[in-house]
Every structure is written in structure tokens, then in C-alpha cells.
């Protein structure tokens, strides 16, 4: 058991839309990601996703509405709901997802990541 310095972990990478795993618990992966621009529309058939904004802000687009997610707030996207995160400026986000969730869900795209990278 040890503590995890979130700021240090965020400082260890610069790429966008490429979640990095920092911990696991109860079948869930805790990931950090940097968002900038618009991600792909996608859904996750079998997994809910939790997005917690550490720094900055983004909007979560749904087919019928847009939800603003400012720093210090979080949003849970239920399984099966099509969504697309969009960040006008870079923001840092912590995600909680079941182990092995693909970042683009059911949508194979250029942003598709099958294995998120662990950062030590």
C-alpha cells in the first residue's frame, strides 16, 4: 500500500484521449486522462463510466442534450448510453471503469485503445 500523487502522474504524460491506469480495486480501474478537442461518439454495452474533473472542464454530449462538467464535479454515464466528451481547452479527468473497458466502447476508431497503459 502506498499513496499516489495525482499531480505527479498527470505530469508524466501529455497525450490526449489516452487513459493511463493508476490503480485497481474491486474489478475497477482508476485512470487519468487529458482531454482536448472532441472525442468519438461511442457507448459501452456492459459498463458504466465515471468521469471526475480534476482540472479544467469539459462537456459531455449526449444525442439529446449537453451536460457541462466543471472542475470538482463528476458525471456517471450509464452503460449503453451513447456519449461524446468534448473539451475546448485541455482538462484533466479521473475515470473509474471496469477492468478492460475499451475507451471507444463499441466504436472502432482512430482513438481506439484496447489496453490502457499503467503509469508507475
PDB file of N, CA and C in Angstrom:
ATOM      1  N   UNK A   1       0.842  -1.177   0.000  1.00  0.00           N
ATOM      2  CA  UNK A   1       0.000   0.000   0.000  1.00  0.00           C
ATOM      3  C   UNK A   1       0.882   1.233   0.000  1.00  0.00           C
ATOM      4  N   UNK A   2       0.479   2.200  -0.806  1.00  0.00           N
ATOM      5  CA  UNK A   2       1.207   3.456  -0.889  1.00  0.00           C
ATOM      6  C   UNK A   2       0.270   4.548  -1.377  1.00  0.00           C
ATOM      7  N   UNK A   3       0.674   5.785  -1.196  1.00  0.00           N
ATOM      8  CA  UNK A   3      -0.136   6.883  -1.707  1.00  0.00           C
ATOM      9  C   UNK A   3       0.220   7.116  -3.175  1.00  0.00           C
ATOM     10  N   UNK A   4      -0.702   7.741  -3.881  1.00  0.00           N
ATOM     11  CA  UNK A   4      -0.491   8.050  -5.294  1.00  0.00           C
ATOM     12  C   UNK A   4      -0.588   9.552  -5.449  1.00  0.00           C
ATOM     13  N   UNK A   5       0.460  10.155  -5.979  1.00  0.00           N
ATOM     14  CA  UNK A   5       0.500  11.600  -6.210  1.00  0.00           C
ATOM     15  C   UNK A   5      -0.140  11.881  -7.579  1.00  0.00           C
ATOM     16  N   UNK A   6      -1.375  12.351  -7.563  1.00  0.00           N
ATOM     17  CA  UNK A   6      -2.122  12.574  -8.799  1.00  0.00           C
ATOM     18  C   UNK A   6      -1.433  13.600  -9.695  1.00  0.00           C
ATOM     19  N   UNK A   7      -0.970  14.711  -9.124  1.00  0.00           N
ATOM     20  CA  UNK A   7      -0.300  15.754  -9.922  1.00  0.00           C
ATOM     21  C   UNK A   7       0.951  15.201 -10.602  1.00  0.00           C
ATOM     22  N   UNK A   8       1.695  14.380  -9.881  1.00  0.00           N
ATOM     23  CA  UNK A   8       2.900  13.763 -10.451  1.00  0.00           C
ATOM     24  C   UNK A   8       2.531  12.846 -11.617  1.00  0.00           C
ATOM     25  N   UNK A   9       1.499  12.044 -11.426  1.00  0.00           N
ATOM     26  CA  UNK A   9       1.056  11.138 -12.501  1.00  0.00           C
ATOM     27  C   UNK A   9       0.593  11.926 -13.722  1.00  0.00           C
ATOM     28  N   UNK A  10      -0.183  12.988 -13.506  1.00  0.00           N
ATOM     29  CA  UNK A  10      -0.647  13.811 -14.632  1.00  0.00           C
ATOM     30  C   UNK A  10       0.524  14.470 -15.358  1.00  0.00           C
ATOM     31  N   UNK A  11       1.575  14.810 -14.627  1.00  0.00           N
ATOM     32  CA  UNK A  11       2.752  15.436 -15.224  1.00  0.00           C
ATOM     33  C   UNK A  11       3.617  14.473 -16.015  1.00  0.00           C
ATOM     34  N   UNK A  12       3.321  13.171 -15.916  1.00  0.00           N
ATOM     35  CA  UNK A  12       4.159  12.175 -16.583  1.00  0.00           C
ATOM     36  C   UNK A  12       3.737  11.890 -18.029  1.00  0.00           C
ATOM     37  N   UNK A  13       2.642  12.505 -18.495  1.00  0.00           N
ATOM     38  CA  UNK A  13       2.222  12.295 -19.880  1.00  0.00           C
ATOM     39  C   UNK A  13       1.565  13.558 -20.442  1.00  0.00           C
ATOM     40  N   UNK A  14       1.548  13.668 -21.758  1.00  0.00           N
ATOM     41  CA  UNK A  14       0.972  14.847 -22.413  1.00  0.00           C
ATOM     42  C   UNK A  14      -0.090  14.495 -23.445  1.00  0.00           C
ATOM     43  N   UNK A  15      -0.212  13.223 -23.812  1.00  0.00           N
ATOM     44  CA  UNK A  15      -1.151  12.852 -24.868  1.00  0.00           C
ATOM     45  C   UNK A  15      -2.599  12.973 -24.404  1.00  0.00           C
ATOM     46  N   UNK A  16      -3.464  13.234 -25.360  1.00  0.00           N
ATOM     47  CA  UNK A  16      -4.897  13.384 -25.095  1.00  0.00           C
ATOM     48  C   UNK A  16      -5.646  12.114 -25.487  1.00  0.00           C
ATOM     49  N   UNK A  17      -6.738  11.865 -24.787  1.00  0.00           N
ATOM     50  CA  UNK A  17      -7.646  10.750 -25.088  1.00  0.00           C
ATOM     51  C   UNK A  17      -6.973   9.392 -24.971  1.00  0.00           C
ATOM     52  N   UNK A  18      -5.973   9.279 -24.116  1.00  0.00           N
ATOM     53  CA  UNK A  18      -5.261   8.024 -23.918  1.00  0.00           C
ATOM     54  C   UNK A  18      -5.166   7.738 -22.416  1.00  0.00           C
ATOM     55  N   UNK A  19      -6.209   7.170 -21.833  1.00  0.00           N
ATOM     56  CA  UNK A  19      -6.236   6.959 -20.379  1.00  0.00           C
ATOM     57  C   UNK A  19      -5.060   6.120 -19.879  1.00  0.00           C
ATOM     58  N   UNK A  20      -4.564   6.502 -18.703  1.00  0.00           N
ATOM     59  CA  UNK A  20      -3.468   5.794 -18.038  1.00  0.00           C
ATOM     60  C   UNK A  20      -3.994   5.226 -16.722  1.00  0.00           C
ATOM     61  N   UNK A  21      -3.720   3.967 -16.471  1.00  0.00           N
ATOM     62  CA  UNK A  21      -4.181   3.321 -15.240  1.00  0.00           C
ATOM     63  C   UNK A  21      -3.231   3.672 -14.101  1.00  0.00           C
ATOM     64  N   UNK A  22      -3.829   4.070 -12.959  1.00  0.00           N
ATOM     65  CA  UNK A  22      -3.001   4.373 -11.784  1.00  0.00           C
ATOM     66  C   UNK A  22      -3.328   3.466 -10.599  1.00  0.00           C
ATOM     67  N   UNK A  23      -4.457   2.742 -10.649  1.00  0.00           N
ATOM     68  CA  UNK A  23      -4.827   1.850  -9.540  1.00  0.00           C
ATOM     69  C   UNK A  23      -5.938   0.910 -10.005  1.00  0.00           C
ATOM     70  N   UNK A  24      -6.113  -0.159  -9.234  1.00  0.00           N
ATOM     71  CA  UNK A  24      -7.218  -1.109  -9.442  1.00  0.00           C
ATOM     72  C   UNK A  24      -7.862  -1.405  -8.099  1.00  0.00           C
ATOM     73  N   UNK A  25      -9.178  -1.581  -8.112  1.00  0.00           N
ATOM     74  CA  UNK A  25      -9.878  -2.015  -6.922  1.00  0.00           C
ATOM     75  C   UNK A  25     -11.197  -2.651  -7.301  1.00  0.00           C
ATOM     76  N   UNK A  26     -11.500  -3.764  -6.696  1.00  0.00           N
ATOM     77  CA  UNK A  26     -12.790  -4.430  -6.890  1.00  0.00           C
ATOM     78  C   UNK A  26     -13.200  -4.572  -8.359  1.00  0.00           C
ATOM     79  N   UNK A  27     -12.256  -4.935  -9.204  1.00  0.00           N
ATOM     80  CA  UNK A  27     -12.563  -5.127 -10.613  1.00  0.00           C
ATOM     81  C   UNK A  27     -12.664  -3.839 -11.417  1.00  0.00           C
ATOM     82  N   UNK A  28     -12.357  -2.719 -10.779  1.00  0.00           N
ATOM     83  CA  UNK A  28     -12.390  -1.417 -11.445  1.00  0.00           C
ATOM     84  C   UNK A  28     -10.970  -0.907 -11.659  1.00  0.00           C
ATOM     85  N   UNK A  29     -10.781  -0.173 -12.738  1.00  0.00           N
ATOM     86  CA  UNK A  29      -9.520   0.524 -12.964  1.00  0.00           C
ATOM     87  C   UNK A  29      -9.747   2.011 -12.717  1.00  0.00           C
ATOM     88  N   UNK A  30      -8.800   2.622 -12.030  1.00  0.00           N
ATOM     89  CA  UNK A  30      -8.798   4.070 -11.838  1.00  0.00           C
ATOM     90  C   UNK A  30      -7.804   4.609 -12.852  1.00  0.00           C
ATOM     91  N   UNK A  31      -8.290   5.522 -13.708  1.00  0.00           N
ATOM     92  CA  UNK A  31      -7.462   6.026 -14.804  1.00  0.00           C
ATOM     93  C   UNK A  31      -7.394   7.540 -14.764  1.00  0.00           C
ATOM     94  N   UNK A  32      -6.315   8.075 -15.311  1.00  0.00           N
ATOM     95  CA  UNK A  32      -6.191   9.509 -15.537  1.00  0.00           C
ATOM     96  C   UNK A  32      -6.117   9.735 -17.033  1.00  0.00           C
ATOM     97  N   UNK A  33      -6.726  10.828 -17.483  1.00  0.00           N
ATOM     98  CA  UNK A  33      -6.674  11.167 -18.898  1.00  0.00           C
ATOM     99  C   UNK A  33      -6.683  12.677 -19.046  1.00  0.00           C
ATOM    100  N   UNK A  34      -6.140  13.118 -20.155  1.00  0.00           N
ATOM    101  CA  UNK A  34      -6.218  14.525 -20.533  1.00  0.00           C
ATOM    102  C   UNK A  34      -7.101  14.606 -21.765  1.00  0.00           C
ATOM    103  N   UNK A  35      -8.052  15.524 -21.714  1.00  0.00           N
ATOM    104  CA  UNK A  35      -8.988  15.716 -22.814  1.00  0.00           C
ATOM    105  C   UNK A  35      -8.680  17.047 -23.486  1.00  0.00           C
ATOM    106  N   UNK A  36      -8.755  17.076 -24.787  1.00  0.00           N
ATOM    107  CA  UNK A  36      -8.731  18.329 -25.545  1.00  0.00           C
ATOM    108  C   UNK A  36      -9.320  18.050 -26.913  1.00  0.00           C
ATOM    109  N   UNK A  37     -10.272  18.890 -27.316  1.00  0.00           N
ATOM    110  CA  UNK A  37     -10.979  18.679 -28.568  1.00  0.00           C
ATOM    111  C   UNK A  37     -12.171  17.772 -28.340  1.00  0.00           C
ATOM    112  N   UNK A  38     -12.639  17.154 -29.415  1.00  0.00           N
ATOM    113  CA  UNK A  38     -13.813  16.274 -29.342  1.00  0.00           C
ATOM    114  C   UNK A  38     -13.387  14.822 -29.523  1.00  0.00           C
ATOM    115  N   UNK A  39     -13.918  13.953 -28.687  1.00  0.00           N
ATOM    116  CA  UNK A  39     -13.679  12.522 -28.809  1.00  0.00           C
ATOM    117  C   UNK A  39     -14.729  11.936 -29.741  1.00  0.00           C
ATOM    118  N   UNK A  40     -14.673  10.644 -29.973  1.00  0.00           N
ATOM    119  CA  UNK A  40     -15.619   9.965 -30.855  1.00  0.00           C
ATOM    120  C   UNK A  40     -16.914   9.644 -30.114  1.00  0.00           C
ATOM    121  N   UNK A  41     -18.025   9.651 -30.850  1.00  0.00           N
ATOM    122  CA  UNK A  41     -19.285   9.155 -30.303  1.00  0.00           C
ATOM    123  C   UNK A  41     -19.123   7.662 -30.053  1.00  0.00           C
ATOM    124  N   UNK A  42     -19.578   7.203 -28.890  1.00  0.00           N
ATOM    125  CA  UNK A  42     -19.483   5.786 -28.566  1.00  0.00           C
ATOM    126  C   UNK A  42     -20.385   5.443 -27.379  1.00  0.00           C
ATOM    127  N   UNK A  43     -20.532   4.161 -27.126  1.00  0.00           N
ATOM    128  CA  UNK A  43     -21.231   3.685 -25.929  1.00  0.00           C
ATOM    129  C   UNK A  43     -20.515   2.424 -25.458  1.00  0.00           C
ATOM    130  N   UNK A  44     -20.808   2.040 -24.239  1.00  0.00           N
ATOM    131  CA  UNK A  44     -20.249   0.824 -23.652  1.00  0.00           C
ATOM    132  C   UNK A  44     -21.422  -0.074 -23.279  1.00  0.00           C
ATOM    133  N   UNK A  45     -21.586  -1.161 -23.985  1.00  0.00           N
ATOM    134  CA  UNK A  45     -22.726  -2.047 -23.799  1.00  0.00           C
ATOM    135  C   UNK A  45     -22.838  -2.581 -22.378  1.00  0.00           C
ATOM    136  N   UNK A  46     -21.703  -2.909 -21.763  1.00  0.00           N
ATOM    137  CA  UNK A  46     -21.726  -3.581 -20.468  1.00  0.00           C
ATOM    138  C   UNK A  46     -21.070  -2.804 -19.328  1.00  0.00           C
ATOM    139  N   UNK A  47     -20.823  -1.509 -19.494  1.00  0.00           N
ATOM    140  CA  UNK A  47     -20.085  -0.799 -18.447  1.00  0.00           C
ATOM    141  C   UNK A  47     -20.560   0.642 -18.267  1.00  0.00           C
ATOM    142  N   UNK A  48     -20.771   1.007 -17.003  1.00  0.00           N
ATOM    143  CA  UNK A  48     -20.961   2.408 -16.649  1.00  0.00           C
ATOM    144  C   UNK A  48     -19.568   3.047 -16.601  1.00  0.00           C
ATOM    145  N   UNK A  49     -19.520   4.377 -16.765  1.00  0.00           N
ATOM    146  CA  UNK A  49     -18.251   5.105 -16.650  1.00  0.00           C
ATOM    147  C   UNK A  49     -18.442   6.301 -15.737  1.00  0.00           C
ATOM    148  N   UNK A  50     -17.462   6.551 -14.873  1.00  0.00           N
ATOM    149  CA  UNK A  50     -17.469   7.726 -14.017  1.00  0.00           C
ATOM    150  C   UNK A  50     -16.329   8.633 -14.449  1.00  0.00           C
ATOM    151  N   UNK A  51     -16.637   9.903 -14.679  1.00  0.00           N
ATOM    152  CA  UNK A  51     -15.658  10.923 -15.057  1.00  0.00           C
ATOM    153  C   UNK A  51     -15.647  11.981 -13.954  1.00  0.00           C
ATOM    154  N   UNK A  52     -14.482  12.217 -13.324  1.00  0.00           N
ATOM    155  CA  UNK A  52     -14.334  13.235 -12.287  1.00  0.00           C
ATOM    156  C   UNK A  52     -13.304  14.252 -12.775  1.00  0.00           C
ATOM    157  N   UNK A  53     -13.699  15.519 -12.877  1.00  0.00           N
ATOM    158  CA  UNK A  53     -12.820  16.549 -13.420  1.00  0.00           C
ATOM    159  C   UNK A  53     -11.877  17.062 -12.335  1.00  0.00           C
ATOM    160  N   UNK A  54     -10.588  16.844 -12.534  1.00  0.00           N
ATOM    161  CA  UNK A  54      -9.554  17.294 -11.605  1.00  0.00           C
ATOM    162  C   UNK A  54      -9.137  18.726 -11.886  1.00  0.00           C
ATOM    163  N   UNK A  55      -9.048  19.072 -13.165  1.00  0.00           N
ATOM    164  CA  UNK A  55      -8.583  20.402 -13.566  1.00  0.00           C
ATOM    165  C   UNK A  55      -9.242  20.773 -14.886  1.00  0.00           C
ATOM    166  N   UNK A  56      -9.775  21.982 -14.985  1.00  0.00           N
ATOM    167  CA  UNK A  56     -10.414  22.426 -16.215  1.00  0.00           C
ATOM    168  C   UNK A  56     -11.889  22.062 -16.218  1.00  0.00           C
ATOM    169  N   UNK A  57     -12.414  21.824 -17.411  1.00  0.00           N
ATOM    170  CA  UNK A  57     -13.832  21.498 -17.581  1.00  0.00           C
ATOM    171  C   UNK A  57     -14.026  20.869 -18.955  1.00  0.00           C
ATOM    172  N   UNK A  58     -15.109  20.117 -19.088  1.00  0.00           N
ATOM    173  CA  UNK A  58     -15.484  19.585 -20.392  1.00  0.00           C
ATOM    174  C   UNK A  58     -16.999  19.477 -20.454  1.00  0.00           C
ATOM    175  N   UNK A  59     -17.507  19.202 -21.624  1.00  0.00           N
ATOM    176  CA  UNK A  59     -18.933  18.926 -21.765  1.00  0.00           C
ATOM    177  C   UNK A  59     -19.091  17.481 -22.204  1.00  0.00           C
ATOM    178  N   UNK A  60     -20.133  16.853 -21.685  1.00  0.00           N
ATOM    179  CA  UNK A  60     -20.465  15.502 -22.122  1.00  0.00           C
ATOM    180  C   UNK A  60     -21.675  15.648 -23.028  1.00  0.00           C
ATOM    181  N   UNK A  61     -21.475  15.309 -24.292  1.00  0.00           N
ATOM    182  CA  UNK A  61     -22.561  15.389 -25.242  1.00  0.00           C
ATOM    183  C   UNK A  61     -23.299  14.053 -25.283  1.00  0.00           C
ATOM    184  N   UNK A  62     -24.605  14.153 -25.269  1.00  0.00           N
ATOM    185  CA  UNK A  62     -25.490  13.022 -25.484  1.00  0.00           C
ATOM    186  C   UNK A  62     -26.303  13.362 -26.726  1.00  0.00           C
ATOM    187  N   UNK A  63     -26.945  12.417 -27.315  1.00  0.00           N
ATOM    188  CA  UNK A  63     -27.699  12.677 -28.539  1.00  0.00           C
ATOM    189  C   UNK A  63     -28.843  13.663 -28.320  1.00  0.00           C
ATOM    190  N   UNK A  64     -29.332  13.775 -27.077  1.00  0.00           N
ATOM    191  CA  UNK A  64     -30.472  14.652 -26.814  1.00  0.00           C
ATOM    192  C   UNK A  64     -30.163  15.849 -25.916  1.00  0.00           C
ATOM    193  N   UNK A  65     -28.900  15.991 -25.456  1.00  0.00           N
ATOM    194  CA  UNK A  65     -28.558  17.119 -24.579  1.00  0.00           C
ATOM    195  C   UNK A  65     -27.041  17.194 -24.387  1.00  0.00           C
ATOM    196  N   UNK A  66     -26.608  18.304 -23.794  1.00  0.00           N
ATOM    197  CA  UNK A  66     -25.203  18.517 -23.452  1.00  0.00           C
ATOM    198  C   UNK A  66     -25.133  18.862 -21.968  1.00  0.00           C
ATOM    199  N   UNK A  67     -24.200  18.229 -21.253  1.00  0.00           N
ATOM    200  CA  UNK A  67     -24.037  18.466 -19.826  1.00  0.00           C
ATOM    201  C   UNK A  67     -22.642  19.038 -19.582  1.00  0.00           C
ATOM    202  N   UNK A  68     -22.587  20.206 -18.925  1.00  0.00           N
ATOM    203  CA  UNK A  68     -21.300  20.805 -18.557  1.00  0.00           C
ATOM    204  C   UNK A  68     -20.779  20.111 -17.308  1.00  0.00           C
ATOM    205  N   UNK A  69     -19.473  19.795 -17.320  1.00  0.00           N
ATOM    206  CA  UNK A  69     -18.844  19.121 -16.181  1.00  0.00           C
ATOM    207  C   UNK A  69     -17.624  19.960 -15.768  1.00  0.00           C
ATOM    208  N   UNK A  70     -17.805  20.874 -14.805  1.00  0.00           N
ATOM    209  CA  UNK A  70     -16.701  21.735 -14.382  1.00  0.00           C
ATOM    210  C   UNK A  70     -15.762  21.043 -13.388  1.00  0.00           C
ATOM    211  N   UNK A  71     -14.652  21.691 -13.121  1.00  0.00           N
ATOM    212  CA  UNK A  71     -13.669  21.192 -12.160  1.00  0.00           C
ATOM    213  C   UNK A  71     -14.349  20.894 -10.821  1.00  0.00           C
ATOM    214  N   UNK A  72     -13.990  19.740 -10.246  1.00  0.00           N
ATOM    215  CA  UNK A  72     -14.545  19.343  -8.967  1.00  0.00           C
ATOM    216  C   UNK A  72     -15.881  18.627  -9.071  1.00  0.00           C
ATOM    217  N   UNK A  73     -16.393  18.470 -10.279  1.00  0.00           N
ATOM    218  CA  UNK A  73     -17.661  17.768 -10.492  1.00  0.00           C
ATOM    219  C   UNK A  73     -17.399  16.450 -11.202  1.00  0.00           C
ATOM    220  N   UNK A  74     -18.395  15.581 -11.153  1.00  0.00           N
ATOM    221  CA  UNK A  74     -18.282  14.304 -11.846  1.00  0.00           C
ATOM    222  C   UNK A  74     -19.598  13.984 -12.536  1.00  0.00           C
ATOM    223  N   UNK A  75     -19.503  13.060 -13.480  1.00  0.00           N
ATOM    224  CA  UNK A  75     -20.688  12.573 -14.177  1.00  0.00           C
ATOM    225  C   UNK A  75     -20.533  11.076 -14.366  1.00  0.00           C
ATOM    226  N   UNK A  76     -21.633  10.357 -14.213  1.00  0.00           N
ATOM    227  CA  UNK A  76     -21.653   8.921 -14.472  1.00  0.00           C
ATOM    228  C   UNK A  76     -22.485   8.704 -15.727  1.00  0.00           C
ATOM    229  N   UNK A  77     -21.889   8.035 -16.707  1.00  0.00           N
ATOM    230  CA  UNK A  77     -22.597   7.691 -17.938  1.00  0.00           C
ATOM    231  C   UNK A  77     -23.006   6.220 -17.825  1.00  0.00           C
ATOM    232  N   UNK A  78     -24.312   5.959 -17.815  1.00  0.00           N
ATOM    233  CA  UNK A  78     -24.770   4.571 -17.692  1.00  0.00           C
ATOM    234  C   UNK A  78     -24.416   3.734 -18.920  1.00  0.00           C
ATOM    235  N   UNK A  79     -24.240   2.447 -18.709  1.00  0.00           N
ATOM    236  CA  UNK A  79     -23.940   1.535 -19.818  1.00  0.00           C
ATOM    237  C   UNK A  79     -25.012   1.673 -20.898  1.00  0.00           C
ATOM    238  N   UNK A  80     -24.562   1.560 -22.135  1.00  0.00           N
ATOM    239  CA  UNK A  80     -25.469   1.605 -23.273  1.00  0.00           C
ATOM    240  C   UNK A  80     -25.853   2.989 -23.751  1.00  0.00           C
ATOM    241  N   UNK A  81     -25.447   4.045 -23.043  1.00  0.00           N
ATOM    242  CA  UNK A  81     -25.812   5.411 -23.432  1.00  0.00           C
ATOM    243  C   UNK A  81     -24.713   5.995 -24.328  1.00  0.00           C
ATOM    244  N   UNK A  82     -25.103   6.390 -25.529  1.00  0.00           N
ATOM    245  CA  UNK A  82     -24.136   6.971 -26.460  1.00  0.00           C
ATOM    246  C   UNK A  82     -23.736   8.361 -25.958  1.00  0.00           C
ATOM    247  N   UNK A  83     -22.431   8.636 -25.999  1.00  0.00           N
ATOM    248  CA  UNK A  83     -21.912   9.896 -25.481  1.00  0.00           C
ATOM    249  C   UNK A  83     -20.621  10.276 -26.192  1.00  0.00           C
ATOM    250  N   UNK A  84     -20.243  11.555 -25.974  1.00  0.00           N
ATOM    251  CA  UNK A  84     -19.001  12.066 -26.550  1.00  0.00           C
ATOM    252  C   UNK A  84     -18.495  13.194 -25.663  1.00  0.00           C
ATOM    253  N   UNK A  85     -17.336  13.028 -25.025  1.00  0.00           N
ATOM    254  CA  UNK A  85     -16.753  14.126 -24.265  1.00  0.00           C
ATOM    255  C   UNK A  85     -16.073  15.130 -25.207  1.00  0.00           C
ATOM    256  N   UNK A  86     -16.217  16.414 -24.861  1.00  0.00           N
ATOM    257  CA  UNK A  86     -15.627  17.493 -25.653  1.00  0.00           C
ATOM    258  C   UNK A  86     -15.006  18.504 -24.697  1.00  0.00           C
ATOM    259  N   UNK A  87     -13.741  18.852 -24.939  1.00  0.00           N
ATOM    260  CA  UNK A  87     -13.052  19.849 -24.110  1.00  0.00           C
ATOM    261  C   UNK A  87     -12.489  20.948 -25.005  1.00  0.00           C
ATOM    262  N   UNK A  88     -12.985  22.167 -24.837  1.00  0.00           N
ATOM    263  CA  UNK A  88     -12.484  23.292 -25.638  1.00  0.00           C
ATOM    264  C   UNK A  88     -11.027  23.566 -25.316  1.00  0.00           C
ATOM    265  N   UNK A  89     -10.679  23.436 -24.044  1.00  0.00           N
ATOM    266  CA  UNK A  89      -9.293  23.577 -23.589  1.00  0.00           C
ATOM    267  C   UNK A  89      -8.921  22.312 -22.833  1.00  0.00           C
ATOM    268  N   UNK A  90      -7.634  22.053 -22.724  1.00  0.00           N
ATOM    269  CA  UNK A  90      -7.199  20.833 -22.045  1.00  0.00           C
ATOM    270  C   UNK A  90      -7.758  20.765 -20.628  1.00  0.00           C
ATOM    271  N   UNK A  91      -8.219  19.585 -20.258  1.00  0.00           N
ATOM    272  CA  UNK A  91      -8.642  19.330 -18.883  1.00  0.00           C
ATOM    273  C   UNK A  91      -8.108  17.961 -18.465  1.00  0.00           C
ATOM    274  N   UNK A  92      -8.046  17.766 -17.164  1.00  0.00           N
ATOM    275  CA  UNK A  92      -7.563  16.501 -16.604  1.00  0.00           C
ATOM    276  C   UNK A  92      -8.713  15.822 -15.886  1.00  0.00           C
ATOM    277  N   UNK A  93      -8.858  14.520 -16.150  1.00  0.00           N
ATOM    278  CA  UNK A  93     -10.007  13.768 -15.659  1.00  0.00           C
ATOM    279  C   UNK A  93      -9.555  12.454 -15.042  1.00  0.00           C
ATOM    280  N   UNK A  94     -10.219  12.068 -13.951  1.00  0.00           N
ATOM    281  CA  UNK A  94     -10.041  10.740 -13.370  1.00  0.00           C
ATOM    282  C   UNK A  94     -11.258   9.914 -13.771  1.00  0.00           C
ATOM    283  N   UNK A  95     -11.014   8.695 -14.218  1.00  0.00           N
ATOM    284  CA  UNK A  95     -12.090   7.809 -14.649  1.00  0.00           C
ATOM    285  C   UNK A  95     -12.105   6.548 -13.803  1.00  0.00           C
ATOM    286  N   UNK A  96     -13.299   6.031 -13.555  1.00  0.00           N
ATOM    287  CA  UNK A  96     -13.482   4.734 -12.918  1.00  0.00           C
ATOM    288  C   UNK A  96     -14.271   3.878 -13.891  1.00  0.00           C
ATOM    289  N   UNK A  97     -13.685   2.748 -14.277  1.00  0.00           N
ATOM    290  CA  UNK A  97     -14.312   1.860 -15.259  1.00  0.00           C
ATOM    291  C   UNK A  97     -13.970   0.418 -14.907  1.00  0.00           C
ATOM    292  N   UNK A  98     -14.840  -0.524 -15.276  1.00  0.00           N
ATOM    293  CA  UNK A  98     -14.475  -1.928 -15.087  1.00  0.00           C
ATOM    294  C   UNK A  98     -13.189  -2.256 -15.845  1.00  0.00           C
ATOM    295  N   UNK A  99     -12.395  -3.120 -15.278  1.00  0.00           N
ATOM    296  CA  UNK A  99     -11.133  -3.522 -15.891  1.00  0.00           C
ATOM    297  C   UNK A  99     -11.367  -3.992 -17.327  1.00  0.00           C
ATOM    298  N   UNK A 100     -10.522  -3.490 -18.237  1.00  0.00           N
ATOM    299  CA  UNK A 100     -10.566  -3.913 -19.624  1.00  0.00           C
ATOM    300  C   UNK A 100     -11.489  -3.123 -20.534  1.00  0.00           C
ATOM    301  N   UNK A 101     -12.168  -2.103 -20.017  1.00  0.00           N
ATOM    302  CA  UNK A 101     -13.060  -1.304 -20.860  1.00  0.00           C
ATOM    303  C   UNK A 101     -12.238  -0.595 -21.934  1.00  0.00           C
ATOM    304  N   UNK A 102     -12.703  -0.683 -23.167  1.00  0.00           N
ATOM    305  CA  UNK A 102     -12.057  -0.024 -24.305  1.00  0.00           C
ATOM    306  C   UNK A 102     -12.568   1.410 -24.366  1.00  0.00           C
ATOM    307  N   UNK A 103     -11.659   2.376 -24.557  1.00  0.00           N
ATOM    308  CA  UNK A 103     -12.053   3.785 -24.474  1.00  0.00           C
ATOM    309  C   UNK A 103     -13.112   4.212 -25.486  1.00  0.00           C
ATOM    310  N   UNK A 104     -13.186   3.550 -26.628  1.00  0.00           N
ATOM    311  CA  UNK A 104     -14.196   3.908 -27.628  1.00  0.00           C
ATOM    312  C   UNK A 104     -15.392   2.969 -27.605  1.00  0.00           C
ATOM    313  N   UNK A 105     -15.494   2.140 -26.591  1.00  0.00           N
ATOM    314  CA  UNK A 105     -16.641   1.260 -26.452  1.00  0.00           C
ATOM    315  C   UNK A 105     -16.854   0.387 -27.666  1.00  0.00           C
ATOM    316  N   UNK A 106     -18.060   0.455 -28.215  1.00  0.00           N
ATOM    317  CA  UNK A 106     -18.437  -0.377 -29.356  1.00  0.00           C
ATOM    318  C   UNK A 106     -18.003   0.216 -30.692  1.00  0.00           C
ATOM    319  N   UNK A 107     -17.383   1.388 -30.667  1.00  0.00           N
ATOM    320  CA  UNK A 107     -16.987   2.094 -31.887  1.00  0.00           C
ATOM    321  C   UNK A 107     -15.492   1.930 -32.128  1.00  0.00           C
ATOM    322  N   UNK A 108     -15.123   1.242 -33.184  1.00  0.00           N
ATOM    323  CA  UNK A 108     -13.704   1.120 -33.548  1.00  0.00           C
ATOM    324  C   UNK A 108     -13.324   2.383 -34.313  1.00  0.00           C
ATOM    325  N   UNK A 109     -12.367   3.128 -33.792  1.00  0.00           N
ATOM    326  CA  UNK A 109     -11.964   4.383 -34.433  1.00  0.00           C
ATOM    327  C   UNK A 109     -10.475   4.595 -34.263  1.00  0.00           C
ATOM    328  N   UNK A 110     -10.005   5.732 -34.732  1.00  0.00           N
ATOM    329  CA  UNK A 110      -8.582   6.058 -34.609  1.00  0.00           C
ATOM    330  C   UNK A 110      -8.175   6.256 -33.150  1.00  0.00           C
ATOM    331  N   UNK A 111      -9.127   6.548 -32.277  1.00  0.00           N
ATOM    332  CA  UNK A 111      -8.844   6.759 -30.852  1.00  0.00           C
ATOM    333  C   UNK A 111      -8.958   5.470 -30.045  1.00  0.00           C
ATOM    334  N   UNK A 112      -9.259   4.352 -30.699  1.00  0.00           N
ATOM    335  CA  UNK A 112      -9.493   3.060 -30.053  1.00  0.00           C
ATOM    336  C   UNK A 112      -8.251   2.590 -29.307  1.00  0.00           C
ATOM    337  N   UNK A 113      -8.391   2.311 -28.021  1.00  0.00           N
ATOM    338  CA  UNK A 113      -7.300   1.796 -27.202  1.00  0.00           C
ATOM    339  C   UNK A 113      -7.760   0.509 -26.539  1.00  0.00           C
ATOM    340  N   UNK A 114      -7.115  -0.600 -26.872  1.00  0.00           N
ATOM    341  CA  UNK A 114      -7.536  -1.874 -26.290  1.00  0.00           C
ATOM    342  C   UNK A 114      -6.933  -2.082 -24.901  1.00  0.00           C
ATOM    343  N   UNK A 115      -5.737  -1.631 -24.678  1.00  0.00           N
ATOM    344  CA  UNK A 115      -5.093  -1.784 -23.383  1.00  0.00           C
ATOM    345  C   UNK A 115      -4.588  -0.437 -22.906  1.00  0.00           C
ATOM    346  N   UNK A 116      -5.196   0.069 -21.824  1.00  0.00           N
ATOM    347  CA  UNK A 116      -4.701   1.296 -21.234  1.00  0.00           C
ATOM    348  C   UNK A 116      -3.348   0.982 -20.588  1.00  0.00           C
ATOM    349  N   UNK A 117      -2.478   1.949 -20.630  1.00  0.00           N
ATOM    350  CA  UNK A 117      -1.125   1.801 -20.094  1.00  0.00           C
ATOM    351  C   UNK A 117      -1.104   2.105 -18.590  1.00  0.00           C
ATOM    352  N   UNK A 118      -0.402   1.286 -17.833  1.00  0.00           N
ATOM    353  CA  UNK A 118      -0.127   1.572 -16.428  1.00  0.00           C
ATOM    354  C   UNK A 118       0.987   2.602 -16.350  1.00  0.00           C
ATOM    355  N   UNK A 119       0.830   3.589 -15.487  1.00  0.00           N
ATOM    356  CA  UNK A 119       1.958   4.507 -15.243  1.00  0.00           C
ATOM    357  C   UNK A 119       2.398   4.338 -13.797  1.00  0.00           C
ATOM    358  N   UNK A 120       3.697   4.166 -13.625  1.00  0.00           N
ATOM    359  CA  UNK A 120       4.252   3.903 -12.291  1.00  0.00           C
ATOM    360  C   UNK A 120       4.581   5.193 -11.565  1.00  0.00           C
TER     361      UNK A 120
END
